[in-house]
């Protein structure tokens, strides 16, 4: 393949890319780290003194300190809103006890057989039955 062919191929690929959602302001430019979270014992809550607390709050605050910016926490009333808000560019990251999810597009089919769990036998062994 010649150099011109490679350049033409790359140009076609670049032209086919969609422009992503408008990103939230760069952390260094804005001076703040915007974090989406929900109220919960491991994410974000107010302690007895009324101060924000929680493992994920602490981790995000330490990350912001490392970046030399101030953390800004946005509480959402539902964890389901967090994915949408991140895609819309409303925050830099989420601290909401959300695990990784598969990125299978909607309306797709899987042609693999479902996994089956092995069941433990409820039968007793002959030695325990005769005792």
N, C-alpha and C. Protein backbone atom coordinates (compact mmCIF):
# COMPACT_ATOMS: atom_id res chain seq x y z
N UNK A 1 0.84 -1.16 0.00
CA UNK A 1 0.00 0.00 0.00
C UNK A 1 0.90 1.24 0.00
N UNK A 2 0.60 2.16 -0.85
CA UNK A 2 1.44 3.35 -0.96
C UNK A 2 1.08 4.37 0.13
N UNK A 3 1.95 5.36 0.27
CA UNK A 3 1.73 6.40 1.28
C UNK A 3 0.46 7.18 1.03
N UNK A 4 0.16 7.42 -0.26
CA UNK A 4 -1.06 8.17 -0.60
C UNK A 4 -2.31 7.38 -0.24
N UNK A 5 -2.25 6.09 -0.44
CA UNK A 5 -3.40 5.24 -0.10
C UNK A 5 -3.66 5.25 1.40
N UNK A 6 -2.60 5.21 2.17
CA UNK A 6 -2.74 5.22 3.63
C UNK A 6 -3.32 6.55 4.08
N UNK A 7 -2.84 7.65 3.51
CA UNK A 7 -3.34 8.97 3.87
C UNK A 7 -4.82 9.09 3.49
N UNK A 8 -5.17 8.59 2.31
CA UNK A 8 -6.57 8.65 1.87
C UNK A 8 -7.46 7.82 2.80
N UNK A 9 -6.99 6.65 3.22
CA UNK A 9 -7.73 5.80 4.13
C UNK A 9 -7.93 6.49 5.48
N UNK A 10 -6.87 7.09 6.00
CA UNK A 10 -6.97 7.80 7.28
C UNK A 10 -7.92 8.99 7.19
N UNK A 11 -7.89 9.69 6.05
CA UNK A 11 -8.79 10.83 5.87
C UNK A 11 -10.24 10.37 5.85
N UNK A 12 -10.51 9.25 5.20
CA UNK A 12 -11.88 8.71 5.17
C UNK A 12 -12.33 8.30 6.57
N UNK A 13 -11.46 7.66 7.31
CA UNK A 13 -11.80 7.25 8.67
C UNK A 13 -12.06 8.46 9.57
N UNK A 14 -11.24 9.49 9.43
CA UNK A 14 -11.42 10.69 10.25
C UNK A 14 -12.72 11.40 9.89
N UNK A 15 -13.08 11.42 8.63
CA UNK A 15 -14.31 12.09 8.20
C UNK A 15 -15.54 11.35 8.69
N UNK A 16 -15.43 10.05 8.90
CA UNK A 16 -16.57 9.24 9.33
C UNK A 16 -16.83 9.35 10.83
N UNK A 17 -15.90 9.89 11.59
CA UNK A 17 -16.06 9.99 13.04
C UNK A 17 -17.07 11.06 13.39
N UNK A 18 -17.93 10.74 14.36
CA UNK A 18 -18.87 11.72 14.87
C UNK A 18 -18.19 12.59 15.90
N UNK A 19 -18.64 13.81 15.99
CA UNK A 19 -18.13 14.68 17.04
C UNK A 19 -18.81 14.28 18.34
N UNK A 20 -18.03 14.07 19.39
CA UNK A 20 -18.56 13.65 20.67
C UNK A 20 -19.26 14.79 21.38
N UNK A 21 -19.82 14.49 22.55
CA UNK A 21 -20.49 15.54 23.30
C UNK A 21 -19.49 16.60 23.76
N UNK A 22 -19.99 17.80 23.93
CA UNK A 22 -19.13 18.89 24.37
C UNK A 22 -18.58 18.58 25.76
N UNK A 23 -17.28 18.55 25.91
CA UNK A 23 -16.72 18.18 27.21
C UNK A 23 -16.85 19.30 28.22
N UNK A 24 -16.87 18.89 29.49
CA UNK A 24 -16.86 19.86 30.57
C UNK A 24 -15.51 20.58 30.51
N UNK A 25 -15.45 21.78 31.05
CA UNK A 25 -14.21 22.56 30.98
C UNK A 25 -13.04 21.76 31.53
N UNK A 26 -11.89 21.95 30.92
CA UNK A 26 -10.70 21.24 31.38
C UNK A 26 -10.44 21.54 32.84
N UNK A 27 -9.98 20.54 33.55
CA UNK A 27 -9.76 20.68 34.99
C UNK A 27 -8.76 21.80 35.28
N UNK A 28 -7.67 21.83 34.54
CA UNK A 28 -6.64 22.85 34.78
C UNK A 28 -7.17 24.25 34.48
N UNK A 29 -8.02 24.40 33.47
CA UNK A 29 -8.55 25.71 33.10
C UNK A 29 -9.57 26.22 34.11
N UNK A 30 -10.42 25.31 34.59
CA UNK A 30 -11.50 25.73 35.50
C UNK A 30 -11.05 25.80 36.95
N UNK A 31 -9.99 25.06 37.30
CA UNK A 31 -9.52 25.06 38.69
C UNK A 31 -10.37 24.22 39.62
N UNK A 32 -11.26 23.39 39.04
CA UNK A 32 -12.08 22.52 39.88
C UNK A 32 -12.27 21.16 39.22
N UNK A 33 -12.47 20.17 40.06
CA UNK A 33 -12.77 18.82 39.62
C UNK A 33 -14.24 18.58 39.95
N UNK A 34 -15.08 18.44 38.95
CA UNK A 34 -16.51 18.26 39.15
C UNK A 34 -16.80 16.76 39.23
N UNK A 35 -17.42 16.35 40.36
CA UNK A 35 -17.65 14.93 40.66
C UNK A 35 -19.14 14.71 40.90
N UNK A 36 -19.72 13.76 40.18
CA UNK A 36 -21.11 13.36 40.41
C UNK A 36 -21.13 12.28 41.48
N UNK A 37 -22.09 12.34 42.38
CA UNK A 37 -22.18 11.33 43.43
C UNK A 37 -23.62 11.21 43.90
N UNK A 38 -23.87 10.22 44.73
CA UNK A 38 -25.17 10.00 45.37
C UNK A 38 -24.95 9.90 46.87
N UNK A 39 -26.00 10.15 47.61
CA UNK A 39 -25.92 10.04 49.05
C UNK A 39 -25.90 8.56 49.45
N UNK A 40 -24.88 8.15 50.19
CA UNK A 40 -24.78 6.77 50.62
C UNK A 40 -23.63 6.59 51.58
N UNK A 41 -23.61 5.48 52.32
CA UNK A 41 -22.58 5.29 53.35
C UNK A 41 -21.16 5.15 52.82
N UNK A 42 -20.99 4.72 51.59
CA UNK A 42 -19.64 4.58 51.04
C UNK A 42 -19.32 5.66 50.01
N UNK A 43 -20.30 6.47 49.66
CA UNK A 43 -20.07 7.46 48.62
C UNK A 43 -19.95 8.86 49.21
N UNK A 44 -21.05 9.40 49.70
CA UNK A 44 -21.07 10.79 50.16
C UNK A 44 -22.18 10.92 51.20
N UNK A 45 -21.84 11.43 52.36
CA UNK A 45 -22.84 11.70 53.39
C UNK A 45 -22.28 12.76 54.32
N UNK A 46 -23.14 13.34 55.12
CA UNK A 46 -22.69 14.30 56.12
C UNK A 46 -22.51 13.58 57.45
N UNK A 47 -21.34 13.77 58.06
CA UNK A 47 -21.06 13.12 59.34
C UNK A 47 -21.76 13.86 60.48
N UNK A 48 -21.47 13.46 61.72
CA UNK A 48 -22.13 14.04 62.89
C UNK A 48 -21.88 15.54 63.02
N UNK A 49 -20.77 16.02 62.51
CA UNK A 49 -20.46 17.45 62.56
C UNK A 49 -21.01 18.20 61.34
N UNK A 50 -21.69 17.51 60.46
CA UNK A 50 -22.25 18.15 59.27
C UNK A 50 -21.26 18.31 58.14
N UNK A 51 -20.10 17.65 58.24
CA UNK A 51 -19.08 17.74 57.20
C UNK A 51 -19.23 16.60 56.20
N UNK A 52 -18.94 16.84 54.93
CA UNK A 52 -19.02 15.76 53.95
C UNK A 52 -18.03 14.66 54.27
N UNK A 53 -18.45 13.43 54.03
CA UNK A 53 -17.61 12.28 54.33
C UNK A 53 -17.99 11.13 53.40
N UNK A 54 -17.29 10.02 53.51
CA UNK A 54 -17.53 8.84 52.68
C UNK A 54 -16.26 8.47 51.95
N UNK A 55 -16.06 7.19 51.72
CA UNK A 55 -14.84 6.72 51.08
C UNK A 55 -14.64 7.35 49.70
N UNK A 56 -15.65 7.33 48.87
CA UNK A 56 -15.49 7.88 47.52
C UNK A 56 -15.34 9.40 47.56
N UNK A 57 -15.98 10.06 48.52
CA UNK A 57 -15.77 11.49 48.70
C UNK A 57 -14.31 11.76 49.04
N UNK A 58 -13.78 10.99 49.98
CA UNK A 58 -12.38 11.18 50.39
C UNK A 58 -11.42 10.94 49.23
N UNK A 59 -11.66 9.89 48.45
CA UNK A 59 -10.78 9.58 47.32
C UNK A 59 -10.83 10.69 46.27
N UNK A 60 -12.02 11.18 45.96
CA UNK A 60 -12.14 12.25 44.96
C UNK A 60 -11.50 13.54 45.48
N UNK A 61 -11.67 13.83 46.78
CA UNK A 61 -11.07 15.03 47.35
C UNK A 61 -9.54 14.94 47.33
N UNK A 62 -9.00 13.77 47.62
CA UNK A 62 -7.55 13.58 47.55
C UNK A 62 -7.04 13.70 46.12
N UNK A 63 -7.81 13.19 45.17
CA UNK A 63 -7.43 13.30 43.76
C UNK A 63 -7.40 14.77 43.34
N UNK A 64 -8.40 15.54 43.76
CA UNK A 64 -8.44 16.97 43.44
C UNK A 64 -7.25 17.69 44.09
N UNK A 65 -6.93 17.31 45.30
CA UNK A 65 -5.78 17.92 45.98
C UNK A 65 -4.49 17.63 45.22
N UNK A 66 -4.36 16.41 44.73
CA UNK A 66 -3.19 16.02 43.95
C UNK A 66 -3.09 16.86 42.66
N UNK A 67 -4.24 17.16 42.08
CA UNK A 67 -4.27 17.98 40.86
C UNK A 67 -4.16 19.47 41.16
N UNK A 68 -4.18 19.82 42.44
CA UNK A 68 -4.12 21.22 42.88
C UNK A 68 -5.32 22.03 42.39
N UNK A 69 -6.50 21.42 42.50
CA UNK A 69 -7.77 22.07 42.17
C UNK A 69 -8.74 21.81 43.32
N UNK A 70 -9.85 22.52 43.32
CA UNK A 70 -10.85 22.29 44.37
C UNK A 70 -11.89 21.29 43.85
N UNK A 71 -12.35 20.39 44.72
CA UNK A 71 -13.40 19.46 44.29
C UNK A 71 -14.78 20.09 44.41
N UNK A 72 -15.63 19.83 43.45
CA UNK A 72 -17.02 20.26 43.49
C UNK A 72 -17.88 19.02 43.31
N UNK A 73 -18.71 18.73 44.30
CA UNK A 73 -19.54 17.53 44.26
C UNK A 73 -20.96 17.91 43.89
N UNK A 74 -21.51 17.17 42.94
CA UNK A 74 -22.89 17.35 42.53
C UNK A 74 -23.65 16.10 42.95
N UNK A 75 -24.59 16.27 43.88
CA UNK A 75 -25.40 15.15 44.35
C UNK A 75 -26.56 14.93 43.39
N UNK A 76 -26.75 13.70 42.99
CA UNK A 76 -27.91 13.35 42.16
C UNK A 76 -28.85 12.52 43.01
N UNK A 77 -30.11 12.57 42.69
CA UNK A 77 -31.08 11.81 43.47
C UNK A 77 -31.19 10.35 43.02
N UNK A 78 -30.54 10.03 41.92
CA UNK A 78 -30.64 8.67 41.38
C UNK A 78 -29.34 8.27 40.70
N UNK A 79 -28.81 7.08 41.03
CA UNK A 79 -27.60 6.62 40.33
C UNK A 79 -27.80 6.46 38.82
N UNK A 80 -29.04 6.25 38.40
CA UNK A 80 -29.31 6.08 36.97
C UNK A 80 -29.03 7.36 36.18
N UNK A 81 -29.10 8.52 36.82
CA UNK A 81 -28.85 9.78 36.13
C UNK A 81 -27.36 10.03 35.88
N UNK A 82 -26.52 9.35 36.62
CA UNK A 82 -25.09 9.64 36.56
C UNK A 82 -24.50 9.35 35.18
N UNK A 83 -24.85 8.22 34.59
CA UNK A 83 -24.34 7.90 33.25
C UNK A 83 -24.73 8.97 32.24
N UNK A 84 -25.98 9.39 32.28
CA UNK A 84 -26.47 10.40 31.35
C UNK A 84 -25.74 11.73 31.56
N UNK A 85 -25.57 12.14 32.81
CA UNK A 85 -24.91 13.41 33.10
C UNK A 85 -23.43 13.39 32.68
N UNK A 86 -22.79 12.25 32.85
CA UNK A 86 -21.39 12.14 32.40
C UNK A 86 -21.30 12.26 30.88
N UNK A 87 -22.21 11.58 30.19
CA UNK A 87 -22.20 11.65 28.72
C UNK A 87 -22.50 13.06 28.21
N UNK A 88 -23.30 13.80 28.97
CA UNK A 88 -23.63 15.17 28.58
C UNK A 88 -22.52 16.16 28.94
N UNK A 89 -21.46 15.67 29.59
CA UNK A 89 -20.34 16.53 29.92
C UNK A 89 -20.58 17.42 31.13
N UNK A 90 -21.43 16.98 32.04
CA UNK A 90 -21.74 17.79 33.22
C UNK A 90 -20.71 17.63 34.33
N UNK A 91 -19.81 16.66 34.23
CA UNK A 91 -18.82 16.42 35.28
C UNK A 91 -17.61 15.73 34.70
N UNK A 92 -16.52 15.73 35.47
CA UNK A 92 -15.30 15.05 35.05
C UNK A 92 -15.33 13.57 35.37
N UNK A 93 -15.91 13.21 36.51
CA UNK A 93 -15.97 11.79 36.89
C UNK A 93 -17.12 11.57 37.84
N UNK A 94 -17.39 10.29 38.13
CA UNK A 94 -18.45 9.91 39.06
C UNK A 94 -17.85 9.13 40.21
N UNK A 95 -18.36 9.39 41.40
CA UNK A 95 -17.98 8.64 42.60
C UNK A 95 -19.28 8.18 43.23
N UNK A 96 -19.79 7.07 42.74
CA UNK A 96 -21.13 6.66 43.16
C UNK A 96 -21.29 5.15 43.26
N UNK A 97 -20.23 4.45 43.61
CA UNK A 97 -20.30 2.99 43.75
C UNK A 97 -20.85 2.33 42.50
N UNK A 98 -20.48 2.84 41.37
CA UNK A 98 -20.94 2.27 40.11
C UNK A 98 -19.86 1.36 39.56
N UNK A 99 -20.21 0.13 39.29
CA UNK A 99 -19.25 -0.80 38.71
C UNK A 99 -19.21 -0.66 37.20
N UNK A 100 -18.22 -1.25 36.61
CA UNK A 100 -18.12 -1.23 35.15
C UNK A 100 -19.26 -2.05 34.56
N UNK A 101 -19.77 -1.57 33.45
CA UNK A 101 -20.85 -2.27 32.79
C UNK A 101 -20.42 -2.63 31.38
N UNK A 102 -20.97 -3.72 30.85
CA UNK A 102 -20.64 -4.04 29.47
C UNK A 102 -21.16 -2.94 28.54
N UNK A 103 -20.47 -2.75 27.45
CA UNK A 103 -20.85 -1.69 26.52
C UNK A 103 -21.57 -2.24 25.30
N UNK A 104 -22.36 -3.29 25.50
CA UNK A 104 -23.12 -3.87 24.40
C UNK A 104 -24.19 -2.89 23.97
N UNK A 105 -24.23 -2.56 22.70
CA UNK A 105 -25.25 -1.62 22.22
C UNK A 105 -26.65 -2.20 22.43
N UNK A 106 -27.67 -1.35 22.62
CA UNK A 106 -29.02 -1.86 22.78
C UNK A 106 -29.49 -2.55 21.50
N UNK A 107 -30.45 -3.40 21.65
CA UNK A 107 -31.06 -4.13 20.54
C UNK A 107 -30.07 -5.05 19.82
N UNK A 108 -29.14 -5.60 20.55
CA UNK A 108 -28.23 -6.58 19.95
C UNK A 108 -28.54 -7.94 20.54
N UNK A 109 -28.16 -8.95 19.83
CA UNK A 109 -28.40 -10.31 20.29
C UNK A 109 -27.09 -11.02 20.53
N UNK A 110 -27.10 -11.86 21.52
CA UNK A 110 -25.93 -12.68 21.80
C UNK A 110 -26.19 -14.08 21.29
N UNK A 111 -25.23 -14.63 20.59
CA UNK A 111 -25.40 -15.96 20.05
C UNK A 111 -24.68 -17.02 20.87
N UNK A 112 -24.13 -16.62 21.99
CA UNK A 112 -23.47 -17.57 22.87
C UNK A 112 -24.50 -18.19 23.80
N UNK A 113 -24.25 -19.43 24.16
CA UNK A 113 -25.15 -20.11 25.09
C UNK A 113 -25.00 -19.50 26.48
N UNK A 114 -26.10 -19.37 27.22
CA UNK A 114 -25.98 -18.81 28.57
C UNK A 114 -25.20 -19.74 29.48
N UNK A 115 -24.49 -19.15 30.40
CA UNK A 115 -23.74 -19.96 31.37
C UNK A 115 -24.69 -20.51 32.40
N UNK A 116 -24.41 -21.70 32.83
CA UNK A 116 -25.23 -22.32 33.86
C UNK A 116 -24.38 -22.56 35.08
N UNK A 117 -24.98 -22.29 36.21
CA UNK A 117 -24.28 -22.55 37.46
C UNK A 117 -24.42 -24.01 37.82
N UNK A 118 -23.37 -24.53 38.41
CA UNK A 118 -23.46 -25.90 38.90
C UNK A 118 -24.25 -25.89 40.19
N UNK A 119 -25.18 -26.79 40.29
CA UNK A 119 -25.97 -26.88 41.51
C UNK A 119 -25.34 -27.89 42.45
N UNK A 120 -25.38 -27.54 43.70
CA UNK A 120 -24.90 -28.49 44.70
C UNK A 120 -25.99 -29.52 44.91
N UNK A 121 -25.60 -30.73 45.03
CA UNK A 121 -26.54 -31.81 45.25
C UNK A 121 -27.09 -31.72 46.66
N UNK A 122 -28.40 -31.89 46.79
CA UNK A 122 -29.00 -31.87 48.12
C UNK A 122 -29.08 -33.28 48.72
N UNK A 123 -28.60 -34.24 47.96
CA UNK A 123 -28.60 -35.62 48.46
C UNK A 123 -27.51 -35.79 49.52
N UNK A 124 -27.78 -36.63 50.45
CA UNK A 124 -26.77 -36.92 51.46
C UNK A 124 -25.93 -38.10 50.99
N UNK A 125 -24.73 -38.15 51.45
CA UNK A 125 -23.86 -39.25 51.07
C UNK A 125 -24.30 -40.51 51.80
N UNK A 126 -24.00 -41.69 51.25
CA UNK A 126 -24.41 -42.94 51.88
C UNK A 126 -23.86 -43.06 53.31
N UNK A 127 -22.68 -42.53 53.57
CA UNK A 127 -22.09 -42.65 54.89
C UNK A 127 -22.90 -41.85 55.91
N UNK A 128 -23.39 -40.67 55.53
CA UNK A 128 -24.13 -39.85 56.49
C UNK A 128 -25.57 -40.35 56.62
N UNK A 129 -26.10 -41.03 55.60
CA UNK A 129 -27.47 -41.54 55.66
C UNK A 129 -27.58 -42.70 56.61
N UNK A 130 -26.55 -43.52 56.72
CA UNK A 130 -26.63 -44.71 57.58
C UNK A 130 -26.25 -44.40 59.02
N UNK A 131 -25.73 -43.25 59.29
CA UNK A 131 -25.30 -42.91 60.66
C UNK A 131 -26.44 -42.52 61.54
